[in-house]
N, C-alpha and C. Protein backbone atom coordinates (compact mmCIF):
# COMPACT_ATOMS: atom_id res chain seq x y z
N MET A 1 8.67 11.61 -4.54
CA MET A 1 8.93 10.07 -4.84
C MET A 1 8.55 10.32 -5.99
N GLU A 2 7.45 11.12 -6.97
CA GLU A 2 7.15 11.20 -8.10
C GLU A 2 7.56 11.53 -9.04
N ARG A 3 8.56 12.00 -8.57
CA ARG A 3 9.69 12.47 -9.17
C ARG A 3 11.03 11.43 -10.04
N GLN A 4 11.02 10.47 -8.66
CA GLN A 4 12.30 9.70 -8.80
C GLN A 4 11.39 8.14 -9.74
N MET A 5 10.14 8.29 -9.19
CA MET A 5 9.18 7.40 -9.87
C MET A 5 8.92 7.62 -11.65
N VAL A 6 8.95 9.06 -11.99
CA VAL A 6 8.74 8.96 -13.39
C VAL A 6 10.09 8.61 -14.16
N LYS A 7 10.92 9.06 -13.30
CA LYS A 7 12.58 8.06 -14.16
C LYS A 7 12.47 6.81 -14.49
N VAL A 8 12.23 6.17 -13.57
CA VAL A 8 12.19 4.75 -13.61
C VAL A 8 10.60 4.06 -14.68
N TYR A 9 9.70 4.65 -13.98
CA TYR A 9 8.22 3.71 -14.99
C TYR A 9 8.26 4.24 -16.49
N THR A 10 7.78 3.45 -17.14
CA THR A 10 7.23 3.59 -18.78
C THR A 10 6.11 4.74 -18.42
N ARG A 11 5.84 5.80 -19.40
CA ARG A 11 4.88 6.83 -19.23
C ARG A 11 3.34 6.04 -18.73
N LYS A 12 3.22 4.76 -19.41
CA LYS A 12 1.95 4.05 -19.01
C LYS A 12 1.76 3.87 -17.57
N LYS A 13 2.87 3.21 -17.04
CA LYS A 13 2.71 2.43 -15.45
C LYS A 13 3.19 3.62 -14.75
N TRP A 14 3.93 4.71 -14.99
CA TRP A 14 3.69 6.49 -14.50
C TRP A 14 2.28 6.76 -13.97
N LEU A 15 1.84 7.02 -15.42
CA LEU A 15 0.01 7.22 -15.23
C LEU A 15 -0.69 6.66 -13.67
N GLU A 16 -0.77 5.22 -13.93
CA GLU A 16 -1.19 4.10 -13.07
C GLU A 16 -0.39 4.39 -12.06
N PHE A 17 0.83 4.32 -11.44
CA PHE A 17 1.16 5.04 -10.14
C PHE A 17 0.75 6.17 -10.00
N GLN A 18 0.63 7.41 -10.68
CA GLN A 18 0.32 8.98 -10.14
C GLN A 18 -1.37 8.31 -9.96
N GLY A 19 -1.92 7.43 -10.56
CA GLY A 19 -3.34 7.38 -10.35
C GLY A 19 -3.43 6.73 -8.89
N GLN A 20 -2.74 5.68 -8.39
CA GLN A 20 -2.83 5.44 -7.31
C GLN A 20 -2.49 6.13 -5.91
N ILE A 21 -1.23 6.87 -6.15
CA ILE A 21 -0.64 7.92 -5.05
C ILE A 21 -1.90 8.76 -4.70
N TYR A 22 -2.73 9.11 -5.38
CA TYR A 22 -4.18 10.28 -5.47
C TYR A 22 -5.20 9.53 -4.82
N GLU A 23 -5.38 7.82 -4.95
CA GLU A 23 -5.90 7.40 -4.29
C GLU A 23 -5.89 7.04 -2.95
N SER A 24 -4.62 7.05 -2.85
CA SER A 24 -4.30 6.48 -1.79
C SER A 24 -4.61 7.76 0.05
N HIS A 25 -4.80 8.76 -0.54
CA HIS A 25 -5.02 10.02 0.14
C HIS A 25 -6.80 9.34 0.76
N GLY A 26 -7.35 8.00 0.12
CA GLY A 26 -8.78 8.34 0.89
C GLY A 26 -8.94 6.77 1.49
N TYR A 27 -7.79 6.58 2.40
CA TYR A 27 -7.20 5.43 3.40
C TYR A 27 -7.23 5.99 4.73
N TYR A 28 -7.82 4.89 5.41
CA TYR A 28 -6.86 5.64 7.19
C TYR A 28 -6.11 4.29 7.47
N VAL A 29 -5.10 4.61 7.77
CA VAL A 29 -4.30 3.28 8.39
C VAL A 29 -4.05 2.88 9.70
N GLN A 30 -4.30 2.29 10.45
CA GLN A 30 -3.98 2.23 11.79
C GLN A 30 -3.34 1.09 12.50
N GLN A 31 -2.33 1.35 12.94
CA GLN A 31 -1.37 0.03 13.82
C GLN A 31 -2.25 -0.97 14.26
N LYS A 32 -1.76 -1.95 14.05
CA LYS A 32 -2.15 -3.39 14.84
C LYS A 32 -1.90 -4.12 15.41
N ALA A 33 -0.47 -4.34 15.58
CA ALA A 33 0.57 -5.05 15.86
C ALA A 33 1.77 -4.58 15.82
N VAL A 34 2.34 -4.65 16.68
CA VAL A 34 4.48 -4.64 16.35
C VAL A 34 4.92 -5.97 17.30
N GLY A 35 5.22 -6.93 16.53
CA GLY A 35 6.84 -7.73 17.14
C GLY A 35 7.55 -8.58 16.31
N ASP A 36 8.31 -8.55 17.10
CA ASP A 36 9.37 -9.23 16.16
C ASP A 36 10.00 -8.42 14.78
N GLY A 37 9.72 -7.62 15.12
CA GLY A 37 10.51 -6.83 13.92
C GLY A 37 9.53 -6.48 12.59
N CYS A 38 8.00 -6.71 12.98
CA CYS A 38 7.68 -6.98 12.36
C CYS A 38 6.30 -5.81 12.36
N MET A 39 5.41 -4.95 11.61
CA MET A 39 4.36 -4.01 12.06
C MET A 39 2.95 -4.52 11.31
N VAL A 40 2.29 -4.22 11.56
CA VAL A 40 0.63 -4.99 11.32
C VAL A 40 0.03 -3.89 11.33
N TYR A 41 -0.69 -3.60 10.06
CA TYR A 41 -1.73 -1.63 10.28
C TYR A 41 -2.75 -3.07 9.34
N ASP A 42 -3.92 -1.86 9.93
CA ASP A 42 -5.37 -2.28 8.80
C ASP A 42 -5.10 -1.61 8.30
N VAL A 43 -5.75 -1.49 7.15
CA VAL A 43 -6.25 0.05 6.15
C VAL A 43 -7.67 -0.15 5.39
N ILE A 44 -8.17 0.89 5.60
CA ILE A 44 -9.49 0.99 5.76
C ILE A 44 -9.79 2.27 4.36
N SER A 45 -10.86 2.24 4.00
CA SER A 45 -11.13 3.34 2.71
C SER A 45 -12.23 3.84 3.45
N PHE A 46 -12.35 5.58 3.25
CA PHE A 46 -13.11 6.44 4.11
C PHE A 46 -14.16 5.97 3.28
N GLN A 47 -14.71 5.18 1.99
CA GLN A 47 -15.56 5.47 1.32
C GLN A 47 -16.36 3.89 1.00
N SER A 48 -15.44 3.12 2.03
CA SER A 48 -15.93 1.94 2.05
C SER A 48 -17.44 1.36 3.14
N SER A 49 -18.42 0.81 2.45
CA SER A 49 -19.73 0.70 3.55
C SER A 49 -18.82 -0.05 4.95
N SER A 50 -19.81 0.19 5.87
CA SER A 50 -19.02 -0.54 7.19
C SER A 50 -19.51 -2.12 7.53
N ILE A 51 -19.81 -2.61 6.59
CA ILE A 51 -19.34 -4.20 6.37
C ILE A 51 -18.14 -4.95 5.81
N SER A 52 -17.40 -4.23 4.87
CA SER A 52 -16.21 -4.20 4.34
C SER A 52 -15.24 -4.51 5.23
N LYS A 53 -14.21 -5.27 5.16
CA LYS A 53 -12.91 -5.51 5.80
C LYS A 53 -12.12 -4.65 6.03
N PRO A 54 -11.46 -4.55 6.52
CA PRO A 54 -9.64 -3.49 6.76
C PRO A 54 -8.91 -4.52 5.59
N ARG A 55 -8.03 -3.88 4.96
CA ARG A 55 -7.08 -4.39 4.09
C ARG A 55 -5.93 -4.83 5.59
N VAL A 56 -4.89 -6.11 5.24
CA VAL A 56 -4.11 -6.27 5.86
C VAL A 56 -2.99 -5.97 5.69
N LEU A 57 -2.15 -4.72 6.31
CA LEU A 57 -0.58 -4.75 5.84
C LEU A 57 0.32 -4.84 6.58
N SER A 58 1.03 -5.52 6.22
CA SER A 58 2.54 -6.02 7.08
C SER A 58 3.99 -5.62 6.59
N HIS A 59 4.41 -5.25 7.31
CA HIS A 59 6.04 -4.42 7.53
C HIS A 59 6.91 -5.32 8.05
N ASN A 60 7.92 -6.04 7.66
CA ASN A 60 9.08 -6.77 8.25
C ASN A 60 9.98 -5.47 8.09
N GLN A 61 10.78 -5.22 9.03
CA GLN A 61 11.54 -4.72 9.02
C GLN A 61 12.65 -4.84 8.88
N GLN A 62 13.06 -6.15 9.30
CA GLN A 62 14.64 -6.82 9.12
C GLN A 62 15.21 -7.14 7.88
N MET A 63 13.88 -7.64 6.96
CA MET A 63 13.59 -8.19 5.79
C MET A 63 13.32 -6.88 4.75
N ASP A 64 12.86 -5.83 5.44
CA ASP A 64 12.79 -4.51 4.54
C ASP A 64 11.53 -4.91 3.28
N TYR A 65 10.21 -5.75 3.85
CA TYR A 65 9.58 -6.28 2.58
C TYR A 65 8.25 -5.84 3.28
N ILE A 66 7.27 -5.92 2.55
CA ILE A 66 6.16 -5.64 2.39
C ILE A 66 4.55 -5.84 2.06
N SER A 67 3.83 -6.28 2.92
CA SER A 67 3.16 -7.19 1.49
C SER A 67 1.44 -7.25 2.55
N CYS A 68 0.79 -6.93 1.56
CA CYS A 68 -1.04 -6.36 1.66
C CYS A 68 -1.45 -7.98 1.52
N SER A 69 -2.59 -8.07 1.85
CA SER A 69 -3.86 -9.13 2.24
C SER A 69 -4.71 -8.74 0.91
N CYS A 70 -4.60 -7.35 0.32
CA CYS A 70 -5.24 -7.44 -1.09
C CYS A 70 -4.18 -7.62 -2.45
N MET A 71 -2.44 -8.38 -2.03
CA MET A 71 -1.62 -8.76 -2.94
C MET A 71 -1.58 -7.68 -4.32
N LYS A 72 -1.84 -6.72 -4.77
CA LYS A 72 -1.64 -5.86 -5.46
C LYS A 72 0.07 -5.23 -5.47
N PHE A 73 1.24 -5.38 -4.52
CA PHE A 73 2.55 -5.38 -4.47
C PHE A 73 2.75 -6.40 -5.24
N GLU A 74 2.63 -7.31 -5.46
CA GLU A 74 2.33 -8.97 -5.84
C GLU A 74 2.35 -9.15 -7.22
N PHE A 75 1.34 -8.97 -7.47
CA PHE A 75 0.39 -9.15 -8.85
C PHE A 75 0.41 -7.62 -10.06
N VAL A 76 0.42 -6.37 -9.51
CA VAL A 76 0.05 -5.32 -10.08
C VAL A 76 1.48 -4.66 -10.54
N GLY A 77 2.23 -5.22 -9.38
CA GLY A 77 3.64 -4.61 -9.74
C GLY A 77 3.81 -2.78 -9.55
N ILE A 78 2.69 -2.50 -8.63
CA ILE A 78 3.80 -0.93 -8.01
C ILE A 78 3.80 -1.04 -6.34
N PRO A 79 4.57 -1.17 -6.36
CA PRO A 79 5.40 -1.23 -5.09
C PRO A 79 4.99 0.15 -3.75
């Protein structure tokens, strides 16, 4: 995936993407629900406190669309 993205992103965006890839290893993903072609996951940071809420990630398989409660997909521009 990194080889593909280095061809697509500018150097600045690539370094940001690479940092996100590194940070992604610090999360636990647990499937929460499945229904009507949509899968829902809880994403929990290993370093977060016990009172923090997990992020909710939704994957609509029919539309091939992913969204997250943090909204980084929509606002930061890193898929």
